[in-house]
Amino acid sequence: MKTRSLRILIVFTVFSLAITACALPTSKEAMPSSEKTPVAEVTAIPPTDTPVPTPTATPAPLLPIGLRQGLASLNSYQVTYGQLVIGPGEEDKKQTTTIYSSLAEGDRSHTQVTILNSTADNPTGESSTRDRYQIGSKICSLPADEDAESPVSENDPMAEEMANVVASLMDMTLYVDDPVLVDEQQVNGVQTRHYTFKVNGLGKKSGAEVTQSSGEYWSAIDGNYLVKYKLVLEMRSAPEDSSAAQVYRNESSYDLTMINEPITIEMPAECQ
C-alpha cells in the first residue's frame, strides 16, 4: 500500500523462566551384591504415528492505529461517519452524516456533510447539505458562501503547508476498555479482526440508569487500521414506566469502504 502524508509503543515485554534442578542423595557405602535391590525392567513405549497438535496462540486484543495514520496508507477510500443524538425527548434529534472520499492520485477529495435537526415543536425537522471538492490547490464549496463572489477558490500554499505540519503532529485514536476478540471476518473487502466492548463509567456522575452500552469495531489484520465501528449508548433519568423520564441516546458509526478501489472525483458544473 502506498504511504503518503495526510493532513491533520510498541512495548516489548520480556518473560524470564527460572529452572531449578534437584539431585537425589546417594549412599557413601557400597551395598553388598547379595543385598542389592533388583532393578525393575522397563518396557519402552513404541512411538505413535498420531501427530501432537500445535497449540494455536490467540492474538491479544489490539486497538487500531490512529485514523490519519491508517488512512494515509491507502491510495483511495471512502469514509462514512454518522452520529445520531436523541434527547431529552424522543423528537429532539440531531443527525449528522459525513461522507469523505479521497483519491491520492491528483490529490482529489470530496466531503459531503448532511445535518438534520428536529424538535418537539418541529418534528419534521430541517436539513442542510454542504459539499466541498478539492483537486490539487483548487477548492469548490457548495452552496457558496453568501459573501463569496464564486464558490471556487485557490488554496494558499503556505497555509496548506502549515495545516499539514500541524495535522501530522496529531491523530484521532480509538480508546476502549477491555475489548473482546469475537472472530475474524471479511468486511468491505478487507480481512479484519472483530472486537466488542462496553463503555465504563456511564451514569456514575449523573446517577442516570444506563439502558444500553454496547460497541464493536473491526480492524484490518494487514495494517491494523479501523475498517468499521459501531457504538450505541442510552440512559434515562427514571424507569421506563415514568412518562416524565428524560432519555438520551447516542448512535455513532464509522464505515471505511472503496478501499484502494477506483474512485472518480470531479468538479461539478457549478465549479467550472
Protein backbone atom coordinates (compact mmCIF):
# COMPACT_ATOMS: atom_id res chain seq x y z
CA MET A 1 0.00 0.00 0.00
CA LYS A 2 1.19 3.40 -0.90
CA THR A 3 2.07 5.69 2.04
CA ARG A 4 1.58 9.39 1.80
CA SER A 5 1.24 12.32 4.06
CA LEU A 6 -2.28 13.03 5.30
CA ARG A 7 -3.29 16.35 6.81
CA ILE A 8 -4.35 16.93 10.13
CA LEU A 9 4.91 1.54 21.73
CA ILE A 10 5.13 -0.83 20.60
CA VAL A 11 6.21 -2.11 24.01
CA PHE A 12 8.28 -5.33 24.13
CA THR A 13 7.60 -7.48 27.27
CA VAL A 14 10.37 -9.96 28.23
CA PHE A 15 9.41 -13.01 30.29
CA SER A 16 12.05 -14.89 32.40
CA LEU A 17 11.65 -18.57 33.26
CA ALA A 18 13.54 -19.86 36.39
CA ILE A 19 14.56 -23.52 36.18
CA THR A 20 15.66 -25.42 39.34
CA ALA A 21 17.38 -28.83 39.40
CA CYS A 22 17.03 -31.47 42.12
CA ALA A 23 19.70 -34.14 42.88
CA LEU A 24 18.94 -37.47 44.55
CA PRO A 25 21.23 -38.29 47.56
CA THR A 26 23.41 -41.46 47.24
CA SER A 27 24.85 -43.71 49.99
CA LYS A 28 28.57 -43.34 50.80
CA GLU A 29 28.97 -47.16 51.42
CA ALA A 30 28.57 -49.75 48.73
CA MET A 31 25.78 -52.24 49.36
CA PRO A 32 26.70 -55.95 49.26
CA SER A 33 25.88 -57.61 45.99
CA SER A 34 23.52 -60.07 47.67
CA GLU A 35 21.58 -57.24 49.20
CA LYS A 36 21.31 -55.17 46.10
CA THR A 37 17.79 -54.16 45.19
CA PRO A 38 16.74 -55.65 41.89
CA VAL A 39 16.21 -53.15 39.13
CA ALA A 40 12.76 -53.17 37.58
CA GLU A 41 12.68 -53.97 33.90
CA VAL A 42 11.50 -51.00 31.83
CA THR A 43 9.46 -51.62 28.72
CA ALA A 44 9.91 -48.99 26.02
CA ILE A 45 6.72 -47.35 24.71
CA PRO A 46 6.62 -47.56 20.94
CA PRO A 47 6.26 -44.20 19.15
CA THR A 48 2.83 -43.26 17.91
CA ASP A 49 2.06 -42.12 14.38
CA THR A 50 -0.54 -39.61 15.59
CA PRO A 51 0.97 -36.11 15.46
CA VAL A 52 0.61 -33.90 18.50
CA PRO A 53 -1.37 -30.76 17.56
CA THR A 54 0.44 -27.48 17.93
CA PRO A 55 -1.41 -25.02 20.18
CA THR A 56 -2.73 -22.00 18.32
CA ALA A 57 -1.97 -18.71 20.02
CA THR A 58 -4.91 -16.35 20.41
CA PRO A 59 -3.93 -12.82 19.35
CA ALA A 60 -4.12 -10.27 22.14
CA PRO A 61 -6.75 -7.55 21.75
CA LEU A 62 -5.44 -4.69 19.67
CA LEU A 63 -6.64 -1.13 19.27
CA PRO A 64 -6.43 0.22 15.72
CA ILE A 65 -3.74 2.72 14.84
CA GLY A 66 -4.70 6.39 14.53
CA LEU A 67 -7.25 7.27 11.87
CA ARG A 68 -4.93 9.62 9.99
CA GLN A 69 -2.08 7.13 10.02
CA GLY A 70 -4.32 4.34 8.80
CA LEU A 71 -5.97 6.33 6.01
CA ALA A 72 -2.61 7.71 4.87
CA SER A 73 -1.55 4.17 3.95
CA LEU A 74 -4.34 3.85 1.36
CA ASN A 75 -4.41 5.00 -2.26
CA SER A 76 -8.16 5.63 -2.28
CA TYR A 77 -11.10 5.19 0.07
CA GLN A 78 -14.49 6.46 1.19
CA VAL A 79 -15.39 7.04 4.84
CA THR A 80 -18.96 7.40 6.08
CA TYR A 81 -19.25 8.75 9.60
CA GLY A 82 -22.66 9.02 11.23
CA GLN A 83 -23.86 10.32 14.56
CA LEU A 84 -27.42 10.42 15.90
CA VAL A 85 -28.15 12.22 19.18
CA ILE A 86 -31.63 11.89 20.69
CA GLY A 87 -32.84 13.59 23.85
CA PRO A 88 -34.18 14.60 26.19
CA GLY A 89 -37.44 14.00 24.27
CA GLU A 90 -37.97 11.38 21.57
CA GLU A 91 -38.42 14.07 18.91
CA ASP A 92 -35.34 16.04 19.91
CA LYS A 93 -32.89 14.71 17.34
CA LYS A 94 -29.72 15.79 15.62
CA GLN A 95 -28.35 13.52 12.90
CA THR A 96 -25.06 14.23 11.17
CA THR A 97 -23.75 12.21 8.23
CA THR A 98 -20.33 12.91 6.78
CA ILE A 99 -19.10 11.18 3.61
CA TYR A 100 -15.46 11.74 2.72
CA SER A 101 -13.91 10.37 -0.48
CA SER A 102 -10.20 10.57 -1.17
CA LEU A 103 -8.01 9.76 -4.17
CA ALA A 104 -4.24 10.08 -3.74
CA GLU A 105 -3.63 10.42 -7.48
CA GLY A 106 -4.11 14.07 -8.34
CA ASP A 107 -4.72 14.99 -4.69
CA ARG A 108 -8.52 14.74 -5.04
CA SER A 109 -11.15 14.70 -2.30
CA HIS A 110 -14.87 15.27 -1.82
CA THR A 111 -16.58 15.93 1.50
CA GLN A 112 -20.35 15.97 1.96
CA VAL A 113 -21.94 16.86 5.30
CA THR A 114 -25.68 16.48 5.88
CA ILE A 115 -27.30 17.68 9.11
CA LEU A 116 -30.91 17.03 10.16
CA ASN A 117 -32.38 18.72 13.25
CA SER A 118 -35.84 18.13 14.70
CA THR A 119 -37.62 19.05 17.93
CA ALA A 120 -41.00 18.52 19.56
CA ASP A 121 -42.10 21.87 18.14
CA ASN A 122 -40.78 20.96 14.69
CA PRO A 123 -40.90 17.14 14.37
CA THR A 124 -40.40 17.27 10.60
CA GLY A 125 -37.12 18.99 11.16
CA GLU A 126 -34.78 20.98 8.97
CA SER A 127 -31.92 19.59 6.92
CA SER A 128 -28.92 21.08 5.20
CA THR A 129 -26.19 19.66 2.97
CA ARG A 130 -22.80 21.11 2.10
CA ASP A 131 -20.22 19.82 -0.38
CA ARG A 132 -16.53 20.58 -0.63
CA TYR A 133 -14.44 19.47 -3.59
CA GLN A 134 -10.67 19.74 -3.84
CA ILE A 135 -8.44 18.88 -6.77
CA GLY A 136 -4.88 19.95 -6.19
CA SER A 137 -4.99 23.54 -4.99
CA LYS A 138 -8.46 24.23 -6.43
CA ILE A 139 -11.35 24.16 -3.94
CA CYS A 140 -15.09 24.45 -4.57
CA SER A 141 -17.66 24.82 -1.77
CA LEU A 142 -21.38 24.34 -2.45
CA PRO A 143 -23.56 26.12 -1.73
CA ALA A 144 -21.26 29.10 -1.94
CA ASP A 145 -20.99 31.49 0.99
CA GLU A 146 -23.33 34.45 0.71
CA ASP A 147 -20.47 36.96 0.68
CA ALA A 148 -18.37 34.97 -1.81
CA GLU A 149 -18.25 36.04 -5.44
CA SER A 150 -17.63 32.47 -6.56
CA PRO A 151 -17.78 29.00 -4.97
CA VAL A 152 -14.27 28.37 -6.34
CA SER A 153 -11.09 29.36 -4.53
CA GLU A 154 -7.39 28.56 -4.60
CA ASN A 155 -5.65 27.03 -1.63
CA ASP A 156 -2.87 29.14 -0.12
CA PRO A 157 0.31 27.00 -0.35
CA MET A 158 1.75 28.45 2.87
CA ALA A 159 -1.50 27.94 4.81
CA GLU A 160 -1.81 24.39 3.48
CA GLU A 161 1.78 23.58 4.44
CA MET A 162 1.21 24.89 7.95
CA ALA A 163 -2.01 22.88 8.29
CA ASN A 164 -0.28 19.70 7.07
CA VAL A 165 2.53 20.05 9.60
CA VAL A 166 0.12 20.65 12.47
CA ALA A 167 -2.09 17.74 11.37
CA SER A 168 0.92 15.40 11.25
CA LEU A 169 1.52 16.04 14.96
CA MET A 170 -1.98 14.96 15.99
CA ASP A 171 -4.17 11.96 15.32
CA MET A 172 -7.51 10.54 16.40
CA THR A 173 -7.29 7.18 18.11
CA LEU A 174 -9.91 4.75 19.38
CA TYR A 175 -9.90 4.13 23.13
CA VAL A 176 -11.94 1.38 24.77
CA ASP A 177 -11.59 -0.72 27.92
CA ASP A 178 -11.21 -4.50 27.76
CA PRO A 179 -12.03 -5.26 24.11
CA VAL A 180 -13.05 -8.87 23.45
CA LEU A 181 -11.98 -10.65 20.26
CA VAL A 182 -15.04 -12.25 18.64
CA ASP A 183 -13.74 -13.67 15.38
CA GLU A 184 -12.13 -12.82 12.06
CA GLN A 185 -14.34 -11.54 9.24
CA GLN A 186 -14.05 -10.06 5.79
CA VAL A 187 -15.58 -6.58 5.94
CA ASN A 188 -15.70 -4.19 2.99
CA GLY A 189 -13.28 -6.41 1.09
CA VAL A 190 -10.70 -6.49 3.91
CA GLN A 191 -9.86 -9.34 6.30
CA THR A 192 -10.45 -7.99 9.80
CA ARG A 193 -10.49 -8.89 13.48
CA HIS A 194 -13.87 -8.21 15.10
CA TYR A 195 -13.96 -6.93 18.70
CA THR A 196 -16.77 -5.98 21.09
CA PHE A 197 -16.56 -3.69 24.11
CA LYS A 198 -18.65 -1.88 26.72
CA VAL A 199 -18.33 1.71 27.92
CA ASN A 200 -17.39 2.08 31.59
CA GLY A 201 -18.39 4.99 33.79
CA LEU A 202 -21.61 5.94 32.02
CA GLY A 203 -24.22 7.17 34.51
CA LYS A 204 -21.89 7.27 37.53
CA LYS A 205 -21.77 11.05 37.74
CA SER A 206 -25.38 11.80 36.77
CA GLY A 207 -26.93 8.83 38.56
CA ALA A 208 -28.94 8.00 35.43
CA GLU A 209 -29.95 4.44 34.59
CA VAL A 210 -27.88 3.02 31.75
CA THR A 211 -30.17 1.03 29.46
CA GLN A 212 -27.70 0.34 26.67
CA SER A 213 -23.92 0.37 26.36
CA SER A 214 -22.52 -1.67 23.52
CA GLY A 215 -19.82 -1.16 20.92
CA GLU A 216 -17.87 -3.12 18.37
CA TYR A 217 -15.12 -2.48 15.86
CA TRP A 218 -13.34 -4.22 13.03
CA SER A 219 -9.63 -3.58 12.40
CA ALA A 220 -7.67 -4.72 9.35
CA ILE A 221 -5.38 -7.68 10.01
CA ASP A 222 -2.92 -6.26 7.47
CA GLY A 223 -2.18 -2.73 8.67
CA ASN A 224 -4.38 -2.66 11.82
CA TYR A 225 -6.37 0.35 10.59
CA LEU A 226 -10.00 0.89 11.55
CA VAL A 227 -12.46 -0.51 8.98
CA LYS A 228 -15.78 -0.37 10.83
CA TYR A 229 -17.08 0.90 14.17
CA LYS A 230 -20.45 0.97 15.94
CA LEU A 231 -21.46 2.43 19.30
CA VAL A 232 -24.87 2.66 20.97
CA LEU A 233 -25.34 4.41 24.34
CA GLU A 234 -28.59 5.14 26.13
CA MET A 235 -29.51 6.28 29.62
CA ARG A 236 -32.63 7.62 31.30
CA SER A 237 -33.46 9.68 34.38
CA ALA A 238 -36.33 7.45 35.54
CA PRO A 239 -37.72 3.94 34.96
CA GLU A 240 -39.43 3.12 31.66
CA ASP A 241 -42.93 3.38 33.15
CA SER A 242 -42.30 7.04 34.01
CA SER A 243 -43.69 9.41 31.38
CA ALA A 244 -41.57 12.27 32.76
CA ALA A 245 -38.29 10.43 32.20
CA GLN A 246 -35.60 12.11 30.16
CA VAL A 247 -33.88 9.77 27.74
CA TYR A 248 -30.58 10.42 26.00
CA ARG A 249 -29.34 8.17 23.21
CA ASN A 250 -26.23 8.33 21.06
CA GLU A 251 -25.53 6.19 18.00
CA SER A 252 -22.14 6.56 16.32
CA SER A 253 -20.79 4.70 13.29
CA TYR A 254 -17.70 4.64 11.07
CA ASP A 255 -17.54 2.72 7.81
CA LEU A 256 -14.46 2.57 5.55
CA THR A 257 -15.30 1.42 2.01
CA MET A 258 -13.91 1.61 -1.54
CA ILE A 259 -10.50 0.69 -0.12
CA ASN A 260 -7.89 1.06 -2.88
CA GLU A 261 -10.66 0.86 -5.47
CA PRO A 262 -11.20 3.21 -8.43
CA ILE A 263 -12.90 6.44 -7.34
CA THR A 264 -13.92 9.29 -9.61
CA ILE A 265 -13.82 12.79 -8.11
CA GLU A 266 -14.51 15.65 -10.49
CA MET A 267 -15.54 19.26 -10.07
CA PRO A 268 -19.29 19.76 -10.68
CA ALA A 269 -20.56 22.13 -13.36
CA GLU A 270 -21.06 24.92 -10.82
CA CYS A 271 -17.33 24.86 -10.11
CA GLN A 272 -16.08 25.02 -13.70
